[in-house]
Amino acid sequence: MAENFERHDMTWAYEYIFPVFSMRKPSLSPRWQSLYYPLTGLVWAAVLTLLLCVPAVLIMVISVGQKRDRGSRLGAGSVVQDMAGMLLGQNLPRRLPTTSSSRLLVAAWLVFAFIIGTVYRGNLTAHLTLPKYPPRPETVEELIETVDKVTRPPYGALYKEFLLKSDNKMFRKLGQLILIGPSIMEGLQQALEHNQAVIDSRRYLEHLIAENFTRQDGSTDLYIGQEHVMPVSAAWLIPHDAPYQTNFDRCMMAVIEVFW
């Protein structure tokens, strides 16, 4: 951070930290739209159009082809109700038209209803068996458009100040969303209950989630985003122009070579 360089100098970097965000996995909630998902919007529009047009055509065919008195004539409401019933897989109408042209139209409608019904039931079964979860944020840009706030522990105050001074619009917006105060554990618990996320190093978050928020079957309600927020290097703070910095860096390089 630029604020640290104003007061301290840095030794050789001994580790690179990759801050990531963690938040609650999107969940499936019971919604009436589940009945809509098996077919696309274009297919639903076509079905609705046919449901409006075919009964009108059938009414015209019946009125032209049959010469009946008013009492025995099929009403428009009955025709629409019968056509909708056949589309929904109900019984055949009790009074079928007598002309061959109208019967042919009813037969074609039955075939159409059978095909649409079979496709709908098949897709609905597949949708319920393998549900499609809502998309979840994986990048910083998606994160700032989704959450209400991002929590960081008290030592993240400099991190927020740095982001607010950034020339990048996305980082400035992220800095505005950051709330300083809750610990990582408190932030993860709040992420489960509210629409917010936590930012910290990947390894630390993975450890906390595995130890405290993972069930015995290995499942968890939290996930970690794929994109790194802003990779940083970790180093020791020392006074400016310290005479022992060269020797200190040499010793640190020896330790790094052993462990890496």
Protein backbone atom coordinates (compact mmCIF):
# COMPACT_ATOMS: atom_id res chain seq x y z
CA MET A 1 0.00 0.00 0.00
CA ALA A 2 1.19 3.49 -0.79
CA GLU A 3 0.49 4.59 2.79
CA ASN A 4 2.97 2.02 4.10
CA PHE A 5 5.76 3.23 1.83
CA GLU A 6 5.41 6.73 3.25
CA ARG A 7 6.34 5.48 6.74
CA HIS A 8 8.25 2.22 6.18
CA ASP A 9 10.42 0.35 3.77
CA MET A 10 9.82 -3.25 2.69
CA THR A 11 12.00 -6.34 2.79
CA TRP A 12 12.06 -8.92 0.04
CA ALA A 13 8.57 -10.28 -0.53
CA TYR A 14 8.26 -13.69 1.10
CA GLU A 15 4.79 -14.58 -0.22
CA TYR A 16 2.18 -13.52 -2.72
CA ILE A 17 -1.34 -13.27 -1.34
CA PHE A 18 -4.37 -13.62 -3.59
CA PRO A 19 -7.41 -11.96 -1.99
CA VAL A 20 -10.69 -13.43 -3.15
CA PHE A 21 -14.31 -12.97 -2.16
CA SER A 22 -16.63 -15.49 -0.59
CA MET A 23 -20.41 -15.36 -0.42
CA ARG A 24 -23.49 -17.53 -0.22
CA LYS A 25 -24.29 -19.85 -3.10
CA PRO A 26 -27.45 -18.93 -5.01
CA SER A 27 -30.31 -21.12 -3.87
CA LEU A 28 -33.41 -22.36 -5.58
CA SER A 29 -36.58 -20.90 -4.14
CA PRO A 30 -40.09 -22.14 -4.99
CA ARG A 31 -41.41 -19.91 -7.75
CA TRP A 32 -44.33 -20.16 -10.10
CA GLN A 33 -41.90 -19.53 -12.98
CA SER A 34 -40.75 -23.13 -12.62
CA LEU A 35 -43.77 -24.09 -14.72
CA TYR A 36 -42.53 -21.73 -17.44
CA TYR A 37 -38.91 -22.89 -17.75
CA PRO A 38 -39.45 -26.19 -19.70
CA LEU A 39 -40.31 -24.26 -22.89
CA THR A 40 -38.74 -21.16 -24.36
CA GLY A 41 -40.56 -17.86 -24.63
CA LEU A 42 -40.93 -18.25 -28.40
CA VAL A 43 -42.63 -21.63 -27.99
CA TRP A 44 -45.00 -20.26 -25.35
CA ALA A 45 -45.87 -17.35 -27.65
CA ALA A 46 -46.59 -19.75 -30.52
CA VAL A 47 -48.79 -21.95 -28.32
CA LEU A 48 -50.73 -18.94 -27.07
CA THR A 49 -51.19 -17.67 -30.62
CA LEU A 50 -52.52 -21.03 -31.78
CA LEU A 51 -54.81 -21.24 -28.76
CA LEU A 52 -56.35 -17.94 -29.85
CA CYS A 53 -56.46 -18.61 -33.60
CA VAL A 54 -57.49 -22.28 -33.89
CA PRO A 55 -60.73 -21.96 -31.87
CA ALA A 56 -61.67 -18.95 -34.00
CA VAL A 57 -61.07 -20.95 -37.18
CA LEU A 58 -63.04 -23.90 -35.80
CA ILE A 59 -65.96 -21.64 -34.91
CA MET A 60 -65.96 -20.29 -38.49
CA VAL A 61 -65.82 -23.82 -39.95
CA ILE A 62 -68.70 -24.97 -37.77
CA SER A 63 -70.84 -21.95 -38.55
CA VAL A 64 -70.25 -22.30 -42.30
CA GLY A 65 -70.45 -26.10 -42.60
CA GLN A 66 -73.40 -26.77 -40.35
CA LYS A 67 -76.92 -25.47 -40.59
CA ARG A 68 -78.36 -25.99 -37.17
CA ASP A 69 -80.80 -24.18 -35.05
CA ARG A 70 -79.57 -21.85 -32.37
CA GLY A 71 -80.27 -24.28 -29.52
CA SER A 72 -78.02 -27.06 -30.83
CA ARG A 73 -75.25 -24.91 -32.16
CA LEU A 74 -71.90 -25.01 -30.32
CA GLY A 75 -71.22 -21.71 -28.63
CA ALA A 76 -67.90 -19.87 -28.94
CA GLY A 77 -67.24 -20.27 -25.22
CA SER A 78 -67.75 -24.03 -25.39
CA VAL A 79 -65.39 -24.35 -28.37
CA VAL A 80 -62.63 -22.36 -26.65
CA GLN A 81 -63.11 -24.34 -23.44
CA ASP A 82 -62.95 -27.66 -25.30
CA MET A 83 -59.81 -26.67 -27.25
CA ALA A 84 -58.05 -25.49 -24.10
CA GLY A 85 -59.08 -28.70 -22.32
CA MET A 86 -57.59 -30.85 -25.07
CA LEU A 87 -54.35 -28.84 -24.89
CA LEU A 88 -54.17 -29.51 -21.15
CA GLY A 89 -54.77 -33.23 -21.62
CA GLN A 90 -58.40 -33.29 -20.50
CA ASN A 91 -61.11 -35.51 -21.98
CA LEU A 92 -62.47 -35.05 -25.46
CA PRO A 93 -65.40 -32.66 -25.78
CA ARG A 94 -68.77 -34.26 -25.25
CA ARG A 95 -70.17 -32.69 -28.43
CA LEU A 96 -67.96 -32.98 -31.48
CA PRO A 97 -68.76 -31.11 -34.68
CA THR A 98 -70.35 -33.23 -37.40
CA THR A 99 -68.62 -31.87 -40.51
CA SER A 100 -65.48 -33.61 -41.76
CA SER A 101 -63.50 -30.38 -42.06
CA SER A 102 -64.11 -29.49 -38.41
CA ARG A 103 -63.32 -33.02 -37.27
CA LEU A 104 -60.07 -32.89 -39.24
CA LEU A 105 -59.16 -29.63 -37.51
CA VAL A 106 -59.92 -31.14 -34.11
CA ALA A 107 -57.76 -34.17 -34.94
CA ALA A 108 -54.86 -31.92 -35.95
CA TRP A 109 -55.28 -30.00 -32.69
CA LEU A 110 -55.18 -33.28 -30.73
CA VAL A 111 -51.89 -34.24 -32.40
CA PHE A 112 -50.45 -30.81 -31.66
CA ALA A 113 -51.59 -31.01 -28.03
CA PHE A 114 -50.06 -34.49 -27.69
CA ILE A 115 -46.67 -33.33 -29.03
CA ILE A 116 -46.56 -30.16 -26.93
CA GLY A 117 -47.70 -32.03 -23.81
CA THR A 118 -45.09 -34.76 -24.24
CA VAL A 119 -42.27 -32.24 -24.78
CA TYR A 120 -43.41 -30.12 -21.84
CA ARG A 121 -43.62 -33.03 -19.42
CA GLY A 122 -40.25 -34.36 -20.51
CA ASN A 123 -38.52 -31.01 -20.12
CA LEU A 124 -40.28 -30.37 -16.81
CA THR A 125 -39.06 -33.71 -15.46
CA ALA A 126 -35.51 -32.93 -16.59
CA HIS A 127 -35.70 -29.44 -15.09
CA LEU A 128 -36.87 -30.76 -11.72
CA THR A 129 -34.34 -33.61 -11.72
CA LEU A 130 -31.37 -31.43 -12.71
CA PRO A 131 -32.36 -27.91 -11.61
CA LYS A 132 -30.61 -24.95 -13.16
CA TYR A 133 -29.23 -22.74 -10.41
CA PRO A 134 -29.13 -18.99 -10.89
CA PRO A 135 -25.77 -17.64 -12.09
CA ARG A 136 -23.40 -16.70 -9.28
CA PRO A 137 -20.83 -13.89 -9.30
CA GLU A 138 -17.32 -15.08 -10.16
CA THR A 139 -15.58 -11.79 -11.00
CA VAL A 140 -15.16 -8.50 -9.16
CA GLU A 141 -17.34 -6.72 -11.69
CA GLU A 142 -20.17 -9.20 -11.12
CA LEU A 143 -19.65 -8.96 -7.36
CA ILE A 144 -20.15 -5.20 -7.09
CA GLU A 145 -23.32 -5.46 -9.18
CA THR A 146 -24.79 -8.15 -6.91
CA VAL A 147 -23.99 -7.61 -3.23
CA ASP A 148 -25.08 -4.86 -0.86
CA LYS A 149 -21.81 -4.73 1.07
CA VAL A 150 -18.41 -6.41 1.44
CA THR A 151 -16.97 -6.97 4.91
CA ARG A 152 -13.32 -6.79 5.92
CA PRO A 153 -11.68 -7.11 9.36
CA PRO A 154 -10.19 -4.00 11.02
CA TYR A 155 -6.79 -4.48 9.37
CA GLY A 156 -8.49 -3.90 6.01
CA ALA A 157 -8.97 -0.17 6.59
CA LEU A 158 -5.88 0.71 4.53
CA TYR A 159 -7.14 -1.63 1.84
CA LYS A 160 -10.41 0.31 1.60
CA GLU A 161 -8.60 3.67 1.48
CA PHE A 162 -6.35 2.39 -1.29
CA LEU A 163 -9.34 1.24 -3.37
CA LEU A 164 -11.18 4.53 -2.89
CA LYS A 165 -8.16 6.42 -4.29
CA SER A 166 -7.80 4.10 -7.27
CA ASP A 167 -8.11 5.39 -10.82
CA ASN A 168 -10.18 2.31 -11.67
CA LYS A 169 -13.91 2.96 -11.43
CA MET A 170 -14.63 -0.64 -10.52
CA PHE A 171 -12.15 -0.59 -7.62
CA ARG A 172 -13.57 2.69 -6.31
CA LYS A 173 -17.06 1.20 -6.29
CA LEU A 174 -15.72 -1.84 -4.49
CA GLY A 175 -14.13 0.42 -1.89
CA GLN A 176 -17.49 2.10 -1.31
CA LEU A 177 -19.09 -1.28 -0.62
CA ILE A 178 -16.45 -2.37 1.91
CA LEU A 179 -17.53 -2.34 5.56
CA ILE A 180 -14.68 -2.40 8.09
CA GLY A 181 -15.19 -4.10 11.44
CA PRO A 182 -16.49 -7.68 11.43
CA SER A 183 -13.98 -10.49 11.77
CA ILE A 184 -13.68 -13.05 8.99
CA MET A 185 -15.83 -15.55 10.89
CA GLU A 186 -18.50 -12.92 11.57
CA GLY A 187 -18.36 -11.81 7.95
CA LEU A 188 -18.86 -15.36 6.68
CA GLN A 189 -21.81 -15.85 9.00
CA GLN A 190 -23.33 -12.57 7.82
CA ALA A 191 -22.77 -13.64 4.21
CA LEU A 192 -24.99 -16.66 4.87
CA GLU A 193 -27.76 -14.48 6.24
CA HIS A 194 -27.57 -11.39 4.04
CA ASN A 195 -26.65 -10.36 0.52
CA GLN A 196 -22.99 -9.58 1.20
CA ALA A 197 -19.51 -11.02 0.72
CA VAL A 198 -16.16 -11.31 2.52
CA ILE A 199 -12.73 -10.54 1.07
CA ASP A 200 -9.53 -12.15 2.35
CA SER A 201 -6.78 -14.52 1.20
CA ARG A 202 -7.92 -17.63 -0.63
CA ARG A 203 -6.15 -20.15 1.61
CA TYR A 204 -7.48 -18.61 4.80
CA LEU A 205 -11.05 -18.49 3.52
CA GLU A 206 -10.84 -22.08 2.26
CA HIS A 207 -9.60 -23.17 5.69
CA LEU A 208 -12.35 -21.37 7.61
CA ILE A 209 -15.10 -22.60 5.30
CA ALA A 210 -13.86 -26.18 5.46
CA GLU A 211 -13.53 -26.11 9.24
CA ASN A 212 -16.64 -24.19 10.27
CA PHE A 213 -19.15 -24.06 7.40
CA THR A 214 -18.87 -27.48 5.76
CA ARG A 215 -21.21 -30.38 6.54
CA GLN A 216 -20.16 -33.98 7.06
CA ASP A 217 -21.08 -34.86 3.46
CA GLY A 218 -18.66 -32.17 2.19
CA SER A 219 -21.33 -29.69 1.08
CA THR A 220 -21.36 -26.04 2.07
CA ASP A 221 -23.55 -23.01 1.42
CA LEU A 222 -20.53 -20.77 0.78
CA TYR A 223 -18.32 -20.55 -2.28
CA ILE A 224 -15.20 -18.65 -3.32
CA GLY A 225 -15.10 -16.58 -6.49
CA GLN A 226 -12.72 -17.52 -9.25
CA GLU A 227 -11.21 -14.09 -9.92
CA HIS A 228 -8.60 -12.58 -7.63
CA VAL A 229 -9.63 -9.19 -6.34
CA MET A 230 -6.12 -7.69 -6.36
CA PRO A 231 -3.03 -9.91 -5.86
CA VAL A 232 -0.59 -8.40 -3.36
CA SER A 233 2.85 -9.33 -2.06
CA ALA A 234 3.61 -9.80 1.64
CA ALA A 235 6.82 -8.44 3.17
CA TRP A 236 8.22 -7.27 6.50
CA LEU A 237 8.06 -3.59 7.39
CA ILE A 238 11.40 -2.00 8.32
CA PRO A 239 12.58 1.60 8.75
CA HIS A 240 13.66 3.54 5.71
CA ASP A 241 17.35 3.14 4.75
CA ALA A 242 17.88 0.48 7.40
CA PRO A 243 21.55 -0.68 7.26
CA TYR A 244 20.59 -4.30 7.90
CA GLN A 245 18.11 -4.58 5.02
CA THR A 246 20.58 -6.28 2.65
CA ASN A 247 21.55 -8.95 5.17
CA PHE A 248 17.94 -9.39 6.20
CA ASP A 249 16.87 -9.92 2.57
CA ARG A 250 19.66 -12.45 2.07
CA CYS A 251 18.51 -14.49 5.08
CA MET A 252 14.92 -14.26 3.96
CA MET A 253 15.83 -15.49 0.47
CA ALA A 254 17.51 -18.53 2.02
CA VAL A 255 14.38 -19.34 4.01
CA ILE A 256 12.15 -18.88 0.95
CA GLU A 257 14.29 -21.22 -1.12
CA VAL A 258 14.02 -23.93 1.56
CA PHE A 259 10.23 -23.76 1.84
CA TRP A 260 9.44 -23.22 -1.82
